[in-house]
Amino acid sequence: MKVLVLGGVAAGTKIAAKLMREDRSNEVVVLNKGKNISYAGCGLPYYVGHVIEDREQLIVNTPEKYSKLTGVSVLTETEATKVDPEVKKVIATDLKTGEEKEYTYDKLVISVGASPVKPPIEGCDLENVFFVRTPEDAIKLRDVVDSGNIKKAVVVGAGYIGLEIAENLKLQGVRPFVLDMAEHALPGFDAEMAEYVEGKLQESGIPVVTGVTVTGIEGDGKVEKVTTNKRAYKADLVVLSAGIRPNTGFLEESGLEMFKGTILTNAQGETNIPDIYAAGDCAMVHNALTEKAAWSPMGSTANIAGRQIAQNIMGAGIGYRGVLGTAVCKLLGMNVGRTGLTEVQATAEGFQPISVITVVDDKAHYFPGAGSFIIKMIADKETLRLLGVQVIGAGAVDKVVDIAVTGIMLKGTLKDLADMDLAYAPPFSTAIHPFEHTLNVLMNKISGKFETFTPVEYAQGAAEGYKIVDACLAPSIEGAPYVDLTTVEGLVEGLDPEEKILLVCNKGKRAYLLQNRMRFYGYKNTKVLEGGITFNQVEL
């Protein structure tokens, strides 16, 4: 079988290699526009920050090494310019010579990836304005940073890559400002979780300014400042990380069905045209929870979907189960991770979401290096089906996220996921795993045993008319009456059993214990502030 693959990097090289492993008699040819066919795109920010020192580590495989390893024929610096499905051929240009050539196929795979969005503003071509999409981009950026002449930088885009770039610039002594037109950083996080991260980044010396539109980049040959609709920012360097756009312009007359430039595919990776498949950043997949089309420009998605496409080309008939928007990111002083639907998305999709925010130990509290996770867990109140998780902490947030992914993919409910025998030893976890701890709290909330205000409800004024009671380990809220839960053996002096009381502690646990005890003694109108003063700004 003759299979032509347009594009390399993640999906294309995975598909081509798997096809040859499935059947060595296949004739597989990869046409790639760039010189590199397989590089670590997700590792580029860490090269800039000298976490990865050797530039050669960014190159996963050279074309020559890949060909010898797999048996795939690779033609680099060869750009596909037209696909003609009727005669099953592709026209491509040799970028070294300008010569136009034709390539025929039995099966065609389109995995041409995406390119950075270039904002429609003046100044993008000034010196020291960078994109970070290829190893060449990262190498040039690091060379400029290493020159010692860069003091201030503006990163446009507060997504995962933009924030990782900002972190690594900060580690090299550059003062970064991150700008984004969205309301919050970190797409895929609910607003209160994103705001918490933004605050922590600010404390770490990485200001994140959201809700601003970049209007221009100015300088005399070299960048000097970035203008926005609100104010200007001085900058010796600018990194544009404001999104990517699929490289599918050459397919406009091919007859392929597309949505906003991304190629629509079914669960088998097939397009609307027989014998043509698509994968990677240029293709749509679907959401495993909603079954709706979803764009997932992630290396993980490209590899998983690509592997299955290769098997399907060989007749396996495997359906891709879909994505959940799973992501994890290392930031300065903390890690963040998420999967599934946000609370806002769950509501929009017709679920009846209920959530809880917990602050829990990430390992045995007495073990060196122990810290906390802030976990937001979301479930459907009617069916108890787990819908999503968001996690912030210095530790291994990916563990919590991956447990949630497993549960969601298996359509698990909170009851299905309760009391699991998860790994425990003091260096790794708590006796009741942080995921299970949060699940228990959510179940208590659903059952009515734990009555709360979420941080969002509190910020919106739901606690108006409630008396704030300090339930921290030691008095911590200025002006609030303090109650040590260990001393409560009946009615509390100064607190009427009929009045509305908001119990606030450091994390939420002591306030819950106090609520439980006060209920026993007749207090009917208590609420606990989820996340306590760790997560919320509490003032009388």
Protein backbone atom coordinates (compact mmCIF):
# COMPACT_ATOMS: atom_id res chain seq x y z
CA MET A 1 0.00 0.00 0.00
CA LYS A 2 1.26 3.46 -0.92
CA VAL A 3 0.67 5.95 1.89
CA LEU A 4 1.60 9.61 1.57
CA VAL A 5 1.94 11.59 4.81
CA LEU A 6 1.96 15.39 4.67
CA GLY A 7 3.82 16.75 7.69
CA GLY A 8 6.03 15.29 10.41
CA VAL A 9 6.76 16.30 14.02
CA ALA A 10 4.19 14.42 16.14
CA ALA A 11 1.24 12.88 14.29
CA GLY A 12 2.90 12.41 10.91
CA THR A 13 5.99 10.62 12.13
CA LYS A 14 3.95 8.48 14.54
CA ILE A 15 1.58 7.38 11.77
CA ALA A 16 4.34 6.65 9.28
CA ALA A 17 6.41 4.63 11.74
CA LYS A 18 3.41 2.63 12.95
CA LEU A 19 2.38 1.83 9.36
CA MET A 20 5.79 0.32 8.71
CA ARG A 21 5.65 -1.68 11.92
CA GLU A 22 2.22 -2.98 10.96
CA ASP A 23 3.38 -4.08 7.51
CA ARG A 24 6.94 -3.70 6.28
CA SER A 25 5.75 -3.98 2.67
CA ASN A 26 3.98 -0.61 2.88
CA GLU A 27 5.46 2.22 0.85
CA VAL A 28 5.28 5.22 3.18
CA VAL A 29 6.53 8.67 2.17
CA VAL A 30 6.59 11.76 4.40
CA LEU A 31 6.65 15.21 2.82
CA ASN A 32 7.72 17.86 5.31
CA LYS A 33 7.99 21.60 4.76
CA GLY A 34 10.70 22.13 7.37
CA LYS A 35 14.15 20.65 7.83
CA ASN A 36 13.27 18.96 11.11
CA ILE A 37 10.67 16.21 11.10
CA SER A 38 10.62 15.35 14.79
CA TYR A 39 11.36 17.79 17.58
CA ALA A 40 10.30 18.45 21.18
CA GLY A 41 7.96 21.41 20.73
CA CYS A 42 6.76 21.26 24.33
CA GLY A 43 10.35 21.46 25.56
CA LEU A 44 11.20 24.74 23.83
CA PRO A 45 10.47 27.05 26.81
CA TYR A 46 12.84 24.98 28.93
CA TYR A 47 15.64 25.36 26.40
CA VAL A 48 15.20 29.12 26.66
CA GLY A 49 15.54 28.83 30.45
CA HIS A 50 18.60 26.55 30.31
CA VAL A 51 16.69 23.72 31.98
CA ILE A 52 17.53 21.86 28.77
CA GLU A 53 21.08 22.89 27.90
CA ASP A 54 21.92 21.10 24.66
CA ARG A 55 20.02 22.18 21.56
CA GLU A 56 20.49 18.70 20.12
CA GLN A 57 18.20 17.37 22.85
CA LEU A 58 15.33 19.21 21.18
CA ILE A 59 15.67 17.12 18.03
CA VAL A 60 14.00 13.76 18.66
CA ASN A 61 15.01 12.30 15.30
CA THR A 62 16.85 13.60 12.25
CA PRO A 63 15.31 12.64 8.89
CA GLU A 64 18.20 10.27 8.23
CA LYS A 65 18.01 8.57 11.62
CA TYR A 66 14.24 8.29 11.41
CA SER A 67 14.36 6.73 7.95
CA LYS A 68 16.89 4.11 9.03
CA LEU A 69 14.93 3.37 12.17
CA THR A 70 11.52 3.00 10.49
CA GLY A 71 11.97 2.37 6.78
CA VAL A 72 9.93 5.48 5.94
CA SER A 73 11.06 7.70 3.05
CA VAL A 74 11.37 11.31 4.17
CA LEU A 75 11.51 14.35 1.91
CA THR A 76 12.21 17.54 3.87
CA GLU A 77 11.86 21.14 2.65
CA THR A 78 9.05 19.89 0.46
CA GLU A 79 5.78 21.82 0.75
CA ALA A 80 2.46 20.38 -0.36
CA THR A 81 0.52 23.01 -2.30
CA LYS A 82 -2.50 21.10 -3.66
CA VAL A 83 -4.43 17.90 -3.03
CA ASP A 84 -6.45 16.37 -5.89
CA PRO A 85 -8.62 13.60 -4.39
CA GLU A 86 -10.16 12.59 -7.73
CA VAL A 87 -6.88 11.31 -9.13
CA LYS A 88 -5.27 10.69 -5.73
CA LYS A 89 -2.28 12.93 -6.12
CA VAL A 90 -0.55 15.74 -4.27
CA ILE A 91 1.39 18.57 -5.85
CA ALA A 92 4.34 19.78 -3.81
CA THR A 93 7.19 22.27 -4.23
CA ASP A 94 10.83 21.50 -3.50
CA LEU A 95 11.75 24.58 -1.46
CA LYS A 96 15.45 24.15 -2.21
CA THR A 97 15.07 24.22 -6.00
CA GLY A 98 11.59 25.64 -6.58
CA GLU A 99 10.72 22.57 -8.64
CA GLU A 100 7.09 21.37 -8.57
CA LYS A 101 6.49 17.63 -8.30
CA GLU A 102 3.54 15.22 -8.17
CA TYR A 103 3.11 12.42 -5.63
CA THR A 104 0.44 9.74 -5.91
CA TYR A 105 -1.11 7.74 -3.07
CA ASP A 106 -3.47 4.95 -2.13
CA LYS A 107 -4.06 6.55 1.27
CA LEU A 108 -3.30 10.14 2.25
CA VAL A 109 -2.68 11.46 5.74
CA ILE A 110 -2.71 15.21 6.38
CA SER A 111 -0.78 16.23 9.48
CA VAL A 112 0.59 19.62 8.48
CA GLY A 113 0.29 21.12 11.96
CA ALA A 114 -0.26 24.77 12.77
CA SER A 115 1.67 28.04 12.86
CA PRO A 116 1.71 30.88 15.38
CA VAL A 117 -0.89 33.57 14.95
CA LYS A 118 0.71 36.83 13.86
CA PRO A 119 -1.37 39.65 15.34
CA PRO A 120 -2.60 42.23 12.81
CA ILE A 121 -0.55 45.01 14.39
CA GLU A 122 2.45 47.12 13.47
CA GLY A 123 5.88 46.13 14.69
CA CYS A 124 5.78 42.33 14.58
CA ASP A 125 8.83 42.34 12.32
CA LEU A 126 11.01 44.44 14.60
CA GLU A 127 14.23 42.97 15.98
CA ASN A 128 13.76 40.97 19.21
CA VAL A 129 10.16 40.03 18.47
CA PHE A 130 9.86 36.25 18.62
CA PHE A 131 7.51 33.35 18.18
CA VAL A 132 8.36 30.05 19.90
CA ARG A 133 7.15 27.21 17.70
CA THR A 134 10.29 25.52 16.34
CA PRO A 135 13.76 24.70 17.71
CA GLU A 136 15.15 27.51 15.55
CA ASP A 137 12.82 29.96 17.31
CA ALA A 138 13.95 28.83 20.75
CA ILE A 139 17.63 28.88 19.81
CA LYS A 140 17.42 32.47 18.52
CA LEU A 141 15.45 33.59 21.58
CA ARG A 142 17.91 32.05 24.03
CA ASP A 143 20.88 33.58 22.23
CA VAL A 144 19.34 37.04 22.62
CA VAL A 145 18.48 36.48 26.30
CA ASP A 146 21.98 35.13 26.97
CA SER A 147 23.51 38.31 25.52
CA GLY A 148 22.72 40.02 28.83
CA ASN A 149 21.05 43.00 27.17
CA ILE A 150 17.47 42.01 27.91
CA LYS A 151 16.00 43.47 31.10
CA LYS A 152 12.25 43.58 30.39
CA ALA A 153 10.09 41.34 28.22
CA VAL A 154 6.45 41.22 27.22
CA VAL A 155 4.84 37.87 26.53
CA VAL A 156 1.61 38.16 24.57
CA GLY A 157 -0.58 35.22 25.51
CA ALA A 158 -1.34 33.76 28.95
CA GLY A 159 -1.86 30.18 27.85
CA TYR A 160 0.39 27.32 28.91
CA ILE A 161 3.28 28.03 26.53
CA GLY A 162 3.17 31.77 27.19
CA LEU A 163 3.34 31.27 30.96
CA GLU A 164 6.12 28.69 30.63
CA ILE A 165 8.11 31.15 28.50
CA ALA A 166 7.55 33.87 31.11
CA GLU A 167 8.75 31.55 33.88
CA ASN A 168 11.93 30.69 32.02
CA LEU A 169 12.65 34.32 31.15
CA LYS A 170 12.25 35.18 34.82
CA LEU A 171 14.73 32.45 35.77
CA GLN A 172 17.26 34.10 33.43
CA GLY A 173 16.94 37.45 35.17
CA VAL A 174 14.49 39.02 32.74
CA ARG A 175 11.43 40.81 34.13
CA PRO A 176 8.41 39.54 32.17
CA PHE A 177 4.92 40.97 31.78
CA VAL A 178 2.26 38.64 30.40
CA LEU A 179 -0.62 40.21 28.46
CA ASP A 180 -3.80 38.52 27.27
CA MET A 181 -7.06 39.76 25.82
CA ALA A 182 -9.04 37.02 27.59
CA GLU A 183 -10.63 37.65 30.97
CA HIS A 184 -8.25 35.21 32.67
CA ALA A 185 -5.07 33.23 32.13
CA LEU A 186 -5.03 29.45 31.73
CA PRO A 187 -7.81 28.43 29.32
CA GLY A 188 -9.72 25.48 30.73
CA PHE A 189 -9.69 26.70 34.34
CA ASP A 190 -12.65 28.26 36.09
CA ALA A 191 -12.26 31.95 36.84
CA GLU A 192 -11.58 31.66 40.58
CA MET A 193 -8.84 29.07 40.02
CA ALA A 194 -7.23 31.16 37.28
CA GLU A 195 -7.37 34.26 39.50
CA TYR A 196 -5.58 32.40 42.27
CA VAL A 197 -2.78 31.40 39.87
CA GLU A 198 -2.55 34.96 38.54
CA GLY A 199 -2.13 36.23 42.09
CA LYS A 200 0.62 33.73 42.86
CA LEU A 201 2.44 34.60 39.65
CA GLN A 202 2.24 38.28 40.57
CA GLU A 203 3.83 37.47 43.94
CA SER A 204 6.58 35.56 42.10
CA GLY A 205 7.43 38.52 39.89
CA ILE A 206 5.42 37.57 36.81
CA PRO A 207 2.55 40.04 36.44
CA VAL A 208 -0.30 38.72 34.30
CA VAL A 209 -2.48 41.46 32.83
CA THR A 210 -5.73 40.17 31.34
CA GLY A 211 -8.53 41.84 29.42
CA VAL A 212 -6.09 43.94 27.37
CA THR A 213 -5.69 44.15 23.60
CA VAL A 214 -2.22 44.65 22.16
CA THR A 215 -2.42 47.45 19.60
CA GLY A 216 1.19 47.73 18.46
CA ILE A 217 4.88 47.07 18.97
CA GLU A 218 7.12 50.11 18.69
CA GLY A 219 10.82 50.77 18.37
CA ASP A 220 13.55 52.15 16.15
CA GLY A 221 14.50 48.94 14.33
CA LYS A 222 14.43 47.08 17.63
CA VAL A 223 11.49 46.65 19.97
CA GLU A 224 11.23 49.28 22.71
CA LYS A 225 7.63 49.07 23.93
CA VAL A 226 4.30 47.34 23.49
CA THR A 227 1.13 49.42 23.32
CA THR A 228 -2.29 48.20 24.42
CA ASN A 229 -5.78 49.64 24.64
CA LYS A 230 -5.02 50.55 28.28
CA ARG A 231 -1.33 51.45 28.62
CA ALA A 232 2.13 50.88 27.17
CA TYR A 233 4.81 48.50 28.47
CA LYS A 234 8.53 49.04 28.00
CA ALA A 235 10.19 45.96 26.53
CA ASP A 236 13.58 44.88 25.24
CA LEU A 237 12.03 41.68 23.92
CA VAL A 238 8.57 40.44 22.92
CA VAL A 239 7.35 36.85 22.63
CA LEU A 240 4.13 36.39 20.69
CA SER A 241 2.26 33.37 22.02
CA ALA A 242 -1.29 34.38 21.17
CA GLY A 243 -2.41 31.11 19.67
CA ILE A 244 -1.87 29.00 16.58
CA ARG A 245 -3.66 28.55 13.26
CA PRO A 246 -3.80 25.27 11.23
CA ASN A 247 -1.62 25.19 8.11
CA THR A 248 -4.55 24.23 5.87
CA GLY A 249 -4.81 27.16 3.46
CA PHE A 250 -3.65 24.99 0.55
CA LEU A 251 -6.65 22.68 1.07
CA GLU A 252 -9.39 25.25 0.41
CA GLU A 253 -10.30 23.78 -2.98
CA SER A 254 -9.78 20.14 -2.01
CA GLY A 255 -13.38 19.44 -0.97
CA LEU A 256 -12.35 18.58 2.59
CA GLU A 257 -14.82 19.66 5.26
CA MET A 258 -13.24 22.11 7.68
CA PHE A 259 -14.22 24.29 10.62
CA LYS A 260 -12.20 27.46 11.18
CA GLY A 261 -9.34 25.93 9.24
CA THR A 262 -9.30 22.62 11.10
CA ILE A 263 -10.10 19.44 9.20
CA LEU A 264 -13.16 17.57 10.46
CA THR A 265 -12.63 13.87 11.11
CA ASN A 266 -14.65 10.97 12.46
CA ALA A 267 -13.60 8.68 15.31
CA GLN A 268 -11.43 6.66 12.91
CA GLY A 269 -9.54 9.77 11.81
CA GLU A 270 -11.20 9.75 8.38
CA THR A 271 -12.19 12.94 6.62
CA ASN A 272 -15.28 13.33 4.41
CA ILE A 273 -13.22 12.19 1.41
CA PRO A 274 -12.48 8.45 1.11
CA ASP A 275 -8.87 7.40 1.74
CA ILE A 276 -7.90 10.74 3.27
CA TYR A 277 -7.15 10.96 7.00
CA ALA A 278 -6.10 13.91 9.18
CA ALA A 279 -4.39 14.20 12.56
CA GLY A 280 -2.51 16.57 14.80
CA ASP A 281 -2.87 20.33 15.19
CA CYS A 282 -4.60 20.71 11.82
CA ALA A 283 -7.45 18.30 12.63
CA MET A 284 -10.53 18.14 14.83
CA VAL A 285 -11.19 15.24 17.16
CA HIS A 286 -14.11 15.07 19.64
CA ASN A 287 -14.74 15.61 23.32
CA ALA A 288 -15.14 12.36 25.25
CA LEU A 289 -17.74 13.86 27.58
CA THR A 290 -19.91 15.82 25.17
CA GLU A 291 -19.18 13.93 21.92
CA LYS A 292 -18.87 17.32 20.20
CA ALA A 293 -16.04 18.25 17.84
CA ALA A 294 -13.00 19.51 19.74
CA TRP A 295 -9.65 20.98 18.75
CA SER A 296 -6.84 19.54 20.84
CA PRO A 297 -3.48 20.85 19.56
CA MET A 298 -1.46 18.72 21.98
CA GLY A 299 1.42 16.36 21.34
CA SER A 300 -0.37 13.68 23.35
CA THR A 301 -3.49 13.89 21.18
CA ALA A 302 -1.42 13.84 18.00
CA ASN A 303 0.43 10.69 19.05
CA ILE A 304 -2.61 8.76 20.35
CA ALA A 305 -4.86 9.64 17.42
CA GLY A 306 -1.99 9.12 14.97
CA ARG A 307 -1.21 5.64 16.21
CA GLN A 308 -4.84 4.63 15.83
CA ILE A 309 -5.07 6.12 12.33
CA ALA A 310 -2.16 3.95 11.23
CA GLN A 311 -3.96 0.90 12.59
CA ASN A 312 -7.20 1.96 10.89
CA ILE A 313 -5.45 2.38 7.56
CA MET A 314 -4.49 -1.26 8.00
CA GLY A 315 -8.12 -2.21 8.65
CA ALA A 316 -8.36 -2.21 12.46
CA GLY A 317 -11.49 -0.04 12.66
CA ILE A 318 -10.55 1.52 16.01
CA GLY A 319 -12.59 4.47 17.22
CA TYR A 320 -10.74 7.24 19.06
CA ARG A 321 -12.40 7.73 22.44
CA GLY A 322 -11.88 11.47 22.46
CA VAL A 323 -10.18 14.16 24.51
CA LEU A 324 -10.94 15.90 27.79
CA GLY A 325 -8.80 19.01 27.42
CA THR A 326 -6.31 17.49 29.85
CA ALA A 327 -3.34 19.73 30.53
CA VAL A 328 -0.56 20.15 33.06
CA CYS A 329 1.89 23.01 33.38
CA LYS A 330 4.92 23.86 35.52
CA LEU A 331 4.95 27.48 36.67
CA LEU A 332 7.16 29.45 39.02
CA GLY A 333 6.66 27.91 42.46
CA MET A 334 3.64 25.81 41.52
CA ASN A 335 2.20 23.30 39.10
CA VAL A 336 -1.28 23.40 37.61
CA GLY A 337 -3.34 20.70 35.95
CA ARG A 338 -6.85 20.16 34.71
CA THR A 339 -9.15 17.76 32.87
CA GLY A 340 -12.79 17.50 31.85
CA LEU A 341 -15.34 20.28 31.92
CA THR A 342 -15.14 23.48 33.93
CA GLU A 343 -18.17 24.32 36.03
CA VAL A 344 -19.18 26.95 33.48
CA GLN A 345 -18.82 24.50 30.58
CA ALA A 346 -20.74 21.80 32.43
CA THR A 347 -23.67 24.16 32.94
CA ALA A 348 -23.60 25.12 29.24
CA GLU A 349 -23.67 21.44 28.27
CA GLY A 350 -26.85 20.81 30.24
CA PHE A 351 -25.37 19.11 33.30
CA GLN A 352 -26.32 20.10 36.84
CA PRO A 353 -22.81 20.70 38.15
CA ILE A 354 -21.90 20.87 41.78
CA SER A 355 -18.34 21.59 42.84
CA VAL A 356 -16.12 21.83 45.86
CA ILE A 357 -12.73 23.44 46.45
CA THR A 358 -10.45 21.79 48.98
CA VAL A 359 -7.00 22.61 50.33
CA VAL A 360 -5.43 19.26 51.17
CA ASP A 361 -1.99 17.89 52.02
CA ASP A 362 -0.13 16.53 48.99
CA LYS A 363 1.79 13.99 51.11
CA ALA A 364 2.16 13.14 54.79
CA HIS A 365 2.28 16.55 56.51
CA TYR A 366 5.31 15.59 58.59
CA PHE A 367 7.39 14.48 55.60
CA PRO A 368 10.07 16.93 54.35
CA GLY A 369 8.84 18.89 51.38
CA ALA A 370 5.16 18.36 52.12
CA GLY A 371 2.84 20.97 50.71
CA SER A 372 -0.77 21.43 49.70
CA PHE A 373 -2.99 20.87 46.71
CA ILE A 374 -5.88 23.18 45.92
CA ILE A 375 -8.37 20.93 44.15
CA LYS A 376 -11.63 21.87 42.47
CA MET A 377 -13.76 18.81 41.73
CA ILE A 378 -16.90 19.01 39.61
CA ALA A 379 -19.64 16.39 39.31
CA ASP A 380 -23.19 16.18 38.04
CA LYS A 381 -25.47 16.56 41.06
CA GLU A 382 -28.18 14.27 39.68
CA THR A 383 -26.12 11.34 38.38
CA LEU A 384 -22.95 11.90 40.50
CA ARG A 385 -20.88 11.46 37.34
CA LEU A 386 -17.42 13.00 37.65
CA LEU A 387 -17.12 15.86 35.14
CA GLY A 388 -13.84 17.59 35.82
CA VAL A 389 -10.91 18.40 38.10
CA GLN A 390 -8.58 21.39 38.41
CA VAL A 391 -5.49 21.26 40.64
CA ILE A 392 -2.89 23.78 41.84
CA GLY A 393 0.12 22.94 44.02
CA ALA A 394 3.86 22.57 44.32
CA GLY A 395 3.68 18.78 44.11
CA ALA A 396 2.66 16.15 41.57
CA VAL A 397 -0.65 17.61 40.43
CA ASP A 398 -0.60 15.26 37.44
CA LYS A 399 -1.36 12.32 39.76
CA VAL A 400 -4.70 13.84 40.75
CA VAL A 401 -5.46 14.81 37.16
CA ASP A 402 -4.67 11.35 35.81
CA ILE A 403 -6.91 9.64 38.36
CA ALA A 404 -9.70 11.97 37.28
CA VAL A 405 -9.04 11.25 33.59
CA THR A 406 -9.36 7.53 34.26
CA GLY A 407 -12.62 8.02 36.11
CA ILE A 408 -14.14 10.31 33.49
CA MET A 409 -13.12 8.12 30.55
CA LEU A 410 -14.77 5.13 32.25
CA LYS A 411 -17.91 7.22 32.89
CA GLY A 412 -17.36 6.80 36.61
CA THR A 413 -19.53 8.31 39.31
CA LEU A 414 -18.30 9.60 42.65
CA LYS A 415 -19.50 6.36 44.20
CA ASP A 416 -17.54 4.33 41.64
CA LEU A 417 -14.38 6.25 42.46
CA ALA A 418 -14.72 6.29 46.24
CA ASP A 419 -12.43 4.27 48.51
CA MET A 420 -9.99 3.24 45.79
CA ASP A 421 -6.81 1.52 46.95
CA LEU A 422 -4.43 4.21 45.72
CA ALA A 423 -0.70 4.19 46.44
CA TYR A 424 0.33 5.50 49.84
CA ALA A 425 3.60 6.10 51.61
CA PRO A 426 4.59 9.32 53.40
CA PRO A 427 6.93 10.56 50.62
CA PHE A 428 4.22 10.17 47.98
CA SER A 429 0.74 10.78 49.33
CA THR A 430 -1.56 10.93 52.33
CA ALA A 431 -3.24 7.87 53.81
CA ILE A 432 -6.49 9.00 52.22
CA HIS A 433 -5.33 10.18 48.81
CA PRO A 434 -5.89 13.89 48.02
CA PHE A 435 -8.25 12.89 45.19
CA GLU A 436 -10.25 10.65 47.52
CA HIS A 437 -10.22 13.27 50.26
CA THR A 438 -11.74 15.83 47.88
CA LEU A 439 -14.26 13.29 46.60
CA ASN A 440 -15.36 12.59 50.20
CA VAL A 441 -15.82 16.31 50.84
CA LEU A 442 -17.90 16.68 47.68
CA MET A 443 -20.06 13.71 48.66
CA ASN A 444 -20.60 15.29 52.08
CA LYS A 445 -21.62 18.51 50.38
CA ILE A 446 -24.06 16.73 48.06
CA SER A 447 -25.60 14.83 50.98
CA GLY A 448 -26.02 18.02 53.02
CA LYS A 449 -23.57 17.05 55.74
CA PHE A 450 -21.29 19.88 54.67
CA GLU A 451 -22.92 23.24 53.94
CA THR A 452 -20.74 25.80 52.23
CA PHE A 453 -20.26 28.90 50.19
CA THR A 454 -17.95 28.40 47.24
CA PRO A 455 -15.34 31.10 46.65
CA VAL A 456 -17.43 32.31 43.70
CA GLU A 457 -20.57 32.55 45.82
CA TYR A 458 -18.66 34.37 48.54
CA ALA A 459 -17.16 36.84 46.07
CA GLN A 460 -20.64 37.49 44.66
CA GLY A 461 -21.95 38.45 48.10
CA ALA A 462 -23.80 35.28 49.11
CA ALA A 463 -22.50 35.63 52.68
CA GLU A 464 -24.05 39.04 53.21
CA GLY A 465 -25.81 39.03 56.58
CA TYR A 466 -23.63 36.22 57.95
CA LYS A 467 -21.41 36.73 60.98
CA ILE A 468 -17.85 35.68 60.15
CA VAL A 469 -16.33 33.42 62.80
CA ASP A 470 -12.60 32.72 62.80
CA ALA A 471 -12.10 28.95 63.10
CA CYS A 472 -8.39 28.92 62.23
CA LEU A 473 -5.80 27.02 64.27
CA ALA A 474 -4.89 30.40 65.80
CA PRO A 475 -6.70 33.75 65.49
CA SER A 476 -6.12 34.96 61.94
CA ILE A 477 -9.04 37.15 60.82
CA GLU A 478 -8.82 40.63 62.28
CA GLY A 479 -12.03 41.74 63.94
CA ALA A 480 -13.77 38.36 63.79
CA PRO A 481 -14.73 36.41 66.92
CA TYR A 482 -12.43 33.42 67.36
CA VAL A 483 -13.63 29.93 68.24
CA ASP A 484 -11.29 27.04 69.01
CA LEU A 485 -13.28 23.99 67.94
CA THR A 486 -11.59 21.81 70.58
CA THR A 487 -13.22 23.89 73.34
CA VAL A 488 -16.78 23.69 72.00
CA GLU A 489 -18.87 21.43 74.24
CA GLY A 490 -22.19 23.24 73.96
CA LEU A 491 -23.48 26.67 73.01
CA VAL A 492 -20.74 29.16 72.17
CA GLU A 493 -20.79 32.40 74.14
CA GLY A 494 -21.76 35.29 71.89
CA LEU A 495 -23.16 33.09 69.08
CA ASP A 496 -26.91 32.63 68.82
CA PRO A 497 -28.03 29.21 67.49
CA GLU A 498 -30.49 30.98 65.17
CA GLU A 499 -28.14 33.51 63.60
CA LYS A 500 -26.37 33.09 60.27
CA ILE A 501 -22.73 32.18 60.82
CA LEU A 502 -19.92 31.81 58.29
CA LEU A 503 -17.11 29.62 59.61
CA VAL A 504 -13.72 30.40 58.12
CA CYS A 505 -10.42 28.64 58.79
CA ASN A 506 -7.09 28.31 57.01
CA LYS A 507 -8.07 25.60 54.57
CA GLY A 508 -11.66 24.56 55.30
CA LYS A 509 -11.15 21.43 57.39
CA ARG A 510 -11.31 22.96 60.89
CA ALA A 511 -14.34 25.01 59.87
CA TYR A 512 -16.06 21.80 58.75
CA LEU A 513 -15.23 20.09 62.04
CA LEU A 514 -16.56 23.10 63.93
CA GLN A 515 -19.72 23.14 61.81
CA ASN A 516 -20.29 19.46 62.58
CA ARG A 517 -19.90 20.06 66.31
CA MET A 518 -22.02 23.21 66.38
CA ARG A 519 -24.82 21.44 64.54
CA PHE A 520 -24.95 18.90 67.31
CA TYR A 521 -25.45 21.73 69.80
CA GLY A 522 -28.31 23.31 67.84
CA TYR A 523 -26.72 25.78 65.42
CA LYS A 524 -28.94 25.61 62.33
CA ASN A 525 -27.56 28.26 59.98
CA THR A 526 -23.84 27.72 59.61
CA LYS A 527 -21.87 27.77 56.38
CA VAL A 528 -18.20 27.01 55.71
CA LEU A 529 -16.13 29.04 53.26
CA GLU A 530 -14.50 26.54 50.89
CA GLY A 531 -10.74 26.98 50.64
CA GLY A 532 -10.62 29.17 53.73
CA ILE A 533 -8.20 32.08 53.92
CA THR A 534 -5.70 30.11 51.83
CA PHE A 535 -7.85 30.64 48.76
CA ASN A 536 -10.07 33.62 49.65
CA GLN A 537 -9.54 37.23 50.67
CA VAL A 538 -11.63 37.55 53.84
CA GLU A 539 -12.28 40.96 55.36
CA LEU A 540 -14.98 42.13 57.76
